[in-house]
Amino acid sequence: MDPLFIVALLVLGACTGFAAGLLGIGGGMIMVPFLTMLFTWQRLPPELVVHAAIATSMASILFTSISSVRAHHKRGAVRWEIVARFAPGLVIGGLLAGGAVFSTLKTGWLALVFAVFVGYSAIQMLLDKKPKPSRQMPGTLGTSAAGTGVGFLSGLVGAGGGFVSVPFMTWCNVPLHNAVATSAALGFPIALANTAGYIWSGMQHPSGQPGMLGYVYWPGLIVLIVSSVLLAPVGAHTAHKLPVRSLKRIFAYLLMLLAAYMLYKAVTALTGA
C-alpha cells in the first residue's frame, strides 16, 4: 500500500474510534464517506468502491465496539438487559442486509441509501426532540423487532447502528449516557452478522481485486483497527466528562457534509456523469 494511504487510514481510524467511544455511533457514518474517497483515490473499480467502503467500515466496528464497550462497562453504563432483547433482531437484520440485499444493490443506490439515512440522522441530532416522560422501552418482542430494522439499515450503510438505536433509546427515556454505552455494545452483533454476510455475498461475486475478502478490503482493515481500537476507549472516557449534547450538534453538521458528498457520488453513479 502507498505510505500516504496508510497514514490516511491511521488518521481516519483514530477519528472514527474516538467518535465511536464518544457518541456510540460505531464510526461508520464518518468512515464510509472517507473510505469511499480513499478507495477512489487508490483506483479501486468504481462499481466496487462503495461496497468495499461499507463492508470494510462494518468489519472495523467488530474491533472498535469491543474496545469501546469495555470502557463503558467499567463505568456501569451499559444496559445489558436491553442488549439481550435487541440482539436476536440485530443478527437477523444484519444477515438479511449483508448476505442477501447488499450485493444486489449497485454503487449508486448504496450511496443514495447512505446519504438519505445519514442526512436524516443529522437532522434528528439537531432537533433533539424530548421524549414523553411516560414512554418506556418495549418488551422483548418489540425491542427485537426494532433490532431487526436497526441491523438491516446498518448493513446497508456500514454503520454500527447508533444512528438509529441511540435516538430510539433516548426516545424511550433511556438516559443519554446509558443509550450511548448500550449502543456501543449493540455494535458487535450488528458488525458480526453483517461482516459475515458481506464476506459470503462478496465471494459469490468475485471481483478479482487484490486484498479483497468478499467485499472487505482486509489490508486497509488492519490499518484502521490499529488506531481505532486505541482511540475508542479515549472517546468513551471523554463521553463521561464533556457536554455530549453540544458535541452531537457539531457532529450533526459534519454528517450533513458527508451525506452531501455521498449524494454527489450517488447522482454521479446513477446518471453516469
Protein backbone atom coordinates (compact mmCIF):
# COMPACT_ATOMS: atom_id res chain seq x y z
CA MET A 1 0.00 0.00 0.00
CA ASP A 2 1.02 3.60 -0.63
CA PRO A 3 2.59 5.09 2.57
CA LEU A 4 0.36 8.16 2.28
CA PHE A 5 -2.67 5.88 2.00
CA ILE A 6 -1.59 4.09 5.20
CA VAL A 7 -1.20 7.40 7.07
CA ALA A 8 -4.65 8.50 5.89
CA LEU A 9 -6.17 5.23 7.13
CA LEU A 10 -4.46 5.60 10.52
CA VAL A 11 -5.84 9.12 10.94
CA LEU A 12 -9.30 8.01 9.83
CA GLY A 13 -9.24 5.07 12.23
CA ALA A 14 -8.21 7.31 15.12
CA CYS A 15 -11.02 9.81 14.43
CA THR A 16 -13.71 7.18 13.99
CA GLY A 17 -12.56 5.18 17.00
CA PHE A 18 -12.76 8.29 19.16
CA ALA A 19 -16.22 9.13 17.76
CA ALA A 20 -17.41 5.57 18.38
CA GLY A 21 -16.48 5.75 22.05
CA LEU A 22 -17.76 9.30 22.48
CA LEU A 23 -21.14 9.05 20.76
CA GLY A 24 -21.83 5.31 20.49
CA ILE A 25 -22.19 5.56 16.72
CA GLY A 26 -19.73 2.87 15.62
CA GLY A 27 -17.83 5.34 13.48
CA GLY A 28 -19.27 4.07 10.20
CA MET A 29 -21.05 7.30 9.31
CA ILE A 30 -17.68 9.04 9.25
CA MET A 31 -15.67 6.14 7.89
CA VAL A 32 -17.75 5.19 4.85
CA PRO A 33 -17.56 8.57 3.02
CA PHE A 34 -13.84 8.93 3.71
CA LEU A 35 -13.12 5.33 2.70
CA THR A 36 -15.09 6.00 -0.47
CA MET A 37 -12.77 8.96 -1.16
CA LEU A 38 -9.63 6.95 -0.32
CA PHE A 39 -10.63 3.89 -2.34
CA THR A 40 -11.47 6.14 -5.30
CA TRP A 41 -8.03 7.73 -4.91
CA GLN A 42 -6.47 4.24 -4.88
CA ARG A 43 -8.37 3.48 -8.09
CA LEU A 44 -10.48 0.59 -6.96
CA PRO A 45 -13.05 -0.27 -9.66
CA PRO A 46 -15.91 2.29 -9.45
CA GLU A 47 -18.53 -0.45 -9.11
CA LEU A 48 -16.66 -1.80 -6.07
CA VAL A 49 -15.73 1.41 -4.22
CA VAL A 50 -18.87 1.96 -2.12
CA HIS A 51 -19.38 -1.76 -1.43
CA ALA A 52 -15.78 -2.04 -0.19
CA ALA A 53 -16.08 1.14 1.89
CA ILE A 54 -19.26 -0.05 3.63
CA ALA A 55 -18.03 -3.61 4.22
CA THR A 56 -14.58 -2.55 5.47
CA SER A 57 -16.15 0.05 7.75
CA MET A 58 -18.51 -2.51 9.26
CA ALA A 59 -15.70 -5.05 9.75
CA SER A 60 -13.70 -2.46 11.71
CA ILE A 61 -16.66 -1.99 14.08
CA LEU A 62 -16.17 -5.60 15.23
CA PHE A 63 -12.99 -4.45 16.95
CA THR A 64 -13.92 -0.87 17.81
CA SER A 65 -17.10 -1.93 19.59
CA ILE A 66 -15.22 -4.34 21.87
CA SER A 67 -12.70 -1.68 22.83
CA SER A 68 -15.40 0.96 23.35
CA VAL A 69 -17.84 -1.19 25.30
CA ARG A 70 -15.16 -2.33 27.75
CA ALA A 71 -14.56 1.28 28.73
CA HIS A 72 -18.31 1.97 29.10
CA HIS A 73 -18.87 -1.26 31.05
CA LYS A 74 -16.24 -0.32 33.61
CA ARG A 75 -18.40 2.71 34.41
CA GLY A 76 -21.54 0.59 34.70
CA ALA A 77 -23.22 2.48 31.85
CA VAL A 78 -24.19 -0.44 29.57
CA ARG A 79 -27.79 -1.64 29.90
CA TRP A 80 -27.14 -5.32 29.22
CA GLU A 81 -30.81 -6.29 29.55
CA ILE A 82 -31.55 -4.01 26.58
CA VAL A 83 -28.65 -5.53 24.63
CA ALA A 84 -30.07 -9.03 25.22
CA ARG A 85 -33.50 -8.00 23.90
CA PHE A 86 -32.04 -6.25 20.84
CA ALA A 87 -29.50 -8.93 19.85
CA PRO A 88 -31.68 -11.57 18.06
CA GLY A 89 -33.22 -8.96 15.78
CA LEU A 90 -29.87 -7.31 15.11
CA VAL A 91 -28.40 -10.61 13.87
CA ILE A 92 -31.41 -11.38 11.66
CA GLY A 93 -31.45 -7.89 10.16
CA GLY A 94 -27.69 -7.92 9.65
CA LEU A 95 -27.69 -11.27 7.84
CA LEU A 96 -30.55 -10.14 5.60
CA ALA A 97 -28.75 -6.92 4.66
CA GLY A 98 -25.17 -8.15 4.39
CA GLY A 99 -25.87 -11.59 2.96
CA ALA A 100 -28.93 -11.08 0.78
CA VAL A 101 -29.55 -7.47 -0.25
CA PHE A 102 -26.12 -5.79 -0.21
CA SER A 103 -24.63 -7.44 -3.30
CA THR A 104 -27.78 -6.83 -5.37
CA LEU A 105 -27.63 -3.03 -4.97
CA LYS A 106 -25.45 -1.08 -7.38
CA THR A 107 -22.97 1.55 -6.17
CA GLY A 108 -25.26 4.49 -6.89
CA TRP A 109 -28.18 3.09 -4.90
CA LEU A 110 -25.98 2.17 -1.94
CA ALA A 111 -24.55 5.68 -1.89
CA LEU A 112 -28.07 7.13 -2.08
CA VAL A 113 -29.30 4.98 0.83
CA PHE A 114 -26.30 6.08 2.88
CA ALA A 115 -26.84 9.78 2.07
CA VAL A 116 -30.55 9.67 2.98
CA PHE A 117 -30.13 7.90 6.32
CA VAL A 118 -27.08 9.87 7.40
CA GLY A 119 -28.82 13.12 6.47
CA TYR A 120 -31.88 12.01 8.45
CA SER A 121 -29.68 11.10 11.41
CA ALA A 122 -28.05 14.53 11.34
CA ILE A 123 -31.42 16.28 11.34
CA GLN A 124 -32.61 14.17 14.28
CA MET A 125 -29.46 15.11 16.22
CA LEU A 126 -30.08 18.81 15.59
CA LEU A 127 -33.78 18.67 16.52
CA ASP A 128 -33.01 16.81 19.77
CA LYS A 129 -36.68 16.15 20.49
CA LYS A 130 -37.55 15.35 24.08
CA PRO A 131 -39.42 12.07 24.73
CA LYS A 132 -42.66 11.87 26.65
CA PRO A 133 -41.91 11.23 30.36
CA SER A 134 -44.11 8.11 30.42
CA ARG A 135 -42.55 6.36 27.42
CA GLN A 136 -40.52 3.20 28.16
CA MET A 137 -38.55 0.60 26.19
CA PRO A 138 -40.85 -2.02 24.60
CA GLY A 139 -40.81 -5.65 25.70
CA THR A 140 -38.60 -8.41 24.30
CA LEU A 141 -40.61 -8.91 21.08
CA GLY A 142 -40.91 -5.19 20.33
CA THR A 143 -37.24 -4.50 21.05
CA SER A 144 -36.14 -7.48 18.93
CA ALA A 145 -38.34 -6.24 16.06
CA ALA A 146 -36.75 -2.80 16.36
CA GLY A 147 -33.36 -4.56 16.37
CA THR A 148 -34.16 -6.24 13.05
CA GLY A 149 -34.72 -2.83 11.49
CA VAL A 150 -31.57 -1.41 13.07
CA GLY A 151 -29.46 -4.37 11.92
CA PHE A 152 -30.83 -4.18 8.39
CA LEU A 153 -30.34 -0.43 7.97
CA SER A 154 -26.87 -0.68 9.50
CA GLY A 155 -25.94 -3.32 6.95
CA LEU A 156 -26.91 -1.09 4.05
CA VAL A 157 -24.87 1.89 5.26
CA GLY A 158 -21.93 0.20 7.04
CA ALA A 159 -22.55 1.82 10.43
CA GLY A 160 -22.83 0.32 13.90
CA GLY A 161 -26.49 1.21 14.35
CA GLY A 162 -26.04 4.05 16.82
CA PHE A 163 -27.60 6.49 14.33
CA VAL A 164 -30.90 4.67 14.96
CA SER A 165 -30.50 2.92 18.31
CA VAL A 166 -29.34 5.95 20.34
CA PRO A 167 -32.29 8.16 19.27
CA PHE A 168 -34.65 5.20 19.76
CA MET A 169 -33.42 4.51 23.30
CA THR A 170 -33.44 8.18 24.32
CA TRP A 171 -36.96 8.43 22.82
CA CYS A 172 -37.86 5.62 25.25
CA ASN A 173 -36.38 7.62 28.14
CA VAL A 174 -33.09 5.72 28.46
CA PRO A 175 -30.59 8.34 29.76
CA LEU A 176 -28.23 9.58 27.05
CA HIS A 177 -25.02 8.19 28.59
CA ASN A 178 -26.68 4.77 29.01
CA ALA A 179 -28.00 4.90 25.43
CA VAL A 180 -24.54 5.72 24.06
CA ALA A 181 -22.88 2.95 26.09
CA THR A 182 -25.56 0.39 25.20
CA SER A 183 -25.33 1.33 21.53
CA ALA A 184 -21.59 0.61 21.66
CA ALA A 185 -22.42 -2.92 22.89
CA LEU A 186 -25.03 -3.37 20.14
CA GLY A 187 -22.34 -2.63 17.55
CA PHE A 188 -20.73 -6.05 17.93
CA PRO A 189 -23.66 -8.34 16.94
CA ILE A 190 -24.54 -5.90 14.14
CA ALA A 191 -20.98 -5.95 12.81
CA LEU A 192 -20.59 -9.71 13.21
CA ALA A 193 -23.75 -10.59 11.28
CA ASN A 194 -23.22 -8.04 8.53
CA THR A 195 -19.50 -8.75 8.06
CA ALA A 196 -20.24 -12.46 7.67
CA GLY A 197 -22.86 -11.52 5.09
CA TYR A 198 -20.51 -9.18 3.20
CA ILE A 199 -17.80 -11.82 3.01
CA TRP A 200 -20.21 -14.54 1.87
CA SER A 201 -22.04 -12.41 -0.71
CA GLY A 202 -18.78 -10.94 -1.99
CA MET A 203 -17.38 -14.40 -2.56
CA GLN A 204 -20.41 -15.20 -4.71
CA HIS A 205 -19.46 -12.23 -6.93
CA PRO A 206 -15.63 -12.31 -7.03
CA SER A 207 -14.08 -9.04 -8.20
CA GLY A 208 -10.54 -10.26 -8.82
CA GLN A 209 -9.32 -7.18 -6.93
CA PRO A 210 -6.21 -7.92 -4.77
CA GLY A 211 -6.72 -7.66 -1.00
CA MET A 212 -10.47 -8.35 -1.06
CA LEU A 213 -12.08 -10.86 1.33
CA GLY A 214 -15.57 -10.85 -0.12
CA TYR A 215 -16.34 -7.13 -0.07
CA VAL A 216 -13.93 -6.39 2.81
CA TYR A 217 -10.60 -4.79 1.88
CA TRP A 218 -8.57 -6.56 4.55
CA PRO A 219 -5.16 -4.72 4.26
CA GLY A 220 -6.93 -1.41 4.91
CA LEU A 221 -9.00 -3.01 7.68
CA ILE A 222 -5.86 -3.99 9.61
CA VAL A 223 -4.51 -0.43 9.47
CA LEU A 224 -7.86 1.04 10.55
CA ILE A 225 -8.11 -1.33 13.51
CA VAL A 226 -4.72 -0.34 14.91
CA SER A 227 -5.68 3.29 15.54
CA SER A 228 -9.45 2.93 16.06
CA VAL A 229 -9.11 0.37 18.86
CA LEU A 230 -6.60 2.60 20.66
CA LEU A 231 -8.81 5.71 20.47
CA ALA A 232 -12.23 4.16 21.20
CA PRO A 233 -11.61 3.91 24.98
CA VAL A 234 -10.41 7.54 24.98
CA GLY A 235 -13.70 8.58 23.39
CA ALA A 236 -15.70 6.51 25.88
CA HIS A 237 -13.80 8.08 28.78
CA THR A 238 -14.37 11.56 27.33
CA ALA A 239 -18.11 10.90 26.93
CA HIS A 240 -18.48 11.00 30.72
CA LYS A 241 -16.67 14.34 31.02
CA LEU A 242 -17.76 16.57 28.11
CA PRO A 243 -21.17 18.06 27.18
CA VAL A 244 -22.10 15.34 24.69
CA ARG A 245 -25.24 17.18 23.51
CA SER A 246 -23.14 20.10 22.28
CA LEU A 247 -20.68 17.76 20.61
CA LYS A 248 -23.54 15.94 18.89
CA ARG A 249 -24.64 19.20 17.26
CA ILE A 250 -21.16 19.73 15.84
CA PHE A 251 -21.11 16.11 14.72
CA ALA A 252 -24.50 16.57 13.04
CA TYR A 253 -23.15 19.36 10.83
CA LEU A 254 -20.23 17.13 9.82
CA LEU A 255 -22.68 14.36 8.95
CA MET A 256 -24.61 16.73 6.70
CA LEU A 257 -21.44 17.48 4.73
CA LEU A 258 -20.63 13.77 4.42
CA ALA A 259 -24.22 12.99 3.38
CA ALA A 260 -23.93 15.67 0.68
CA TYR A 261 -20.73 14.06 -0.63
CA MET A 262 -22.36 10.60 -0.77
CA LEU A 263 -25.39 12.12 -2.50
CA TYR A 264 -23.00 13.54 -5.11
CA LYS A 265 -21.46 10.06 -5.54
CA ALA A 266 -24.94 8.57 -5.92
CA VAL A 267 -26.04 11.07 -8.55
CA THR A 268 -22.76 10.65 -10.43
CA ALA A 269 -23.06 6.86 -10.45
CA LEU A 270 -26.77 6.75 -11.32
CA THR A 271 -26.54 9.29 -14.14
CA GLY A 272 -23.22 8.02 -15.49
CA ALA A 273 -21.74 11.52 -15.25
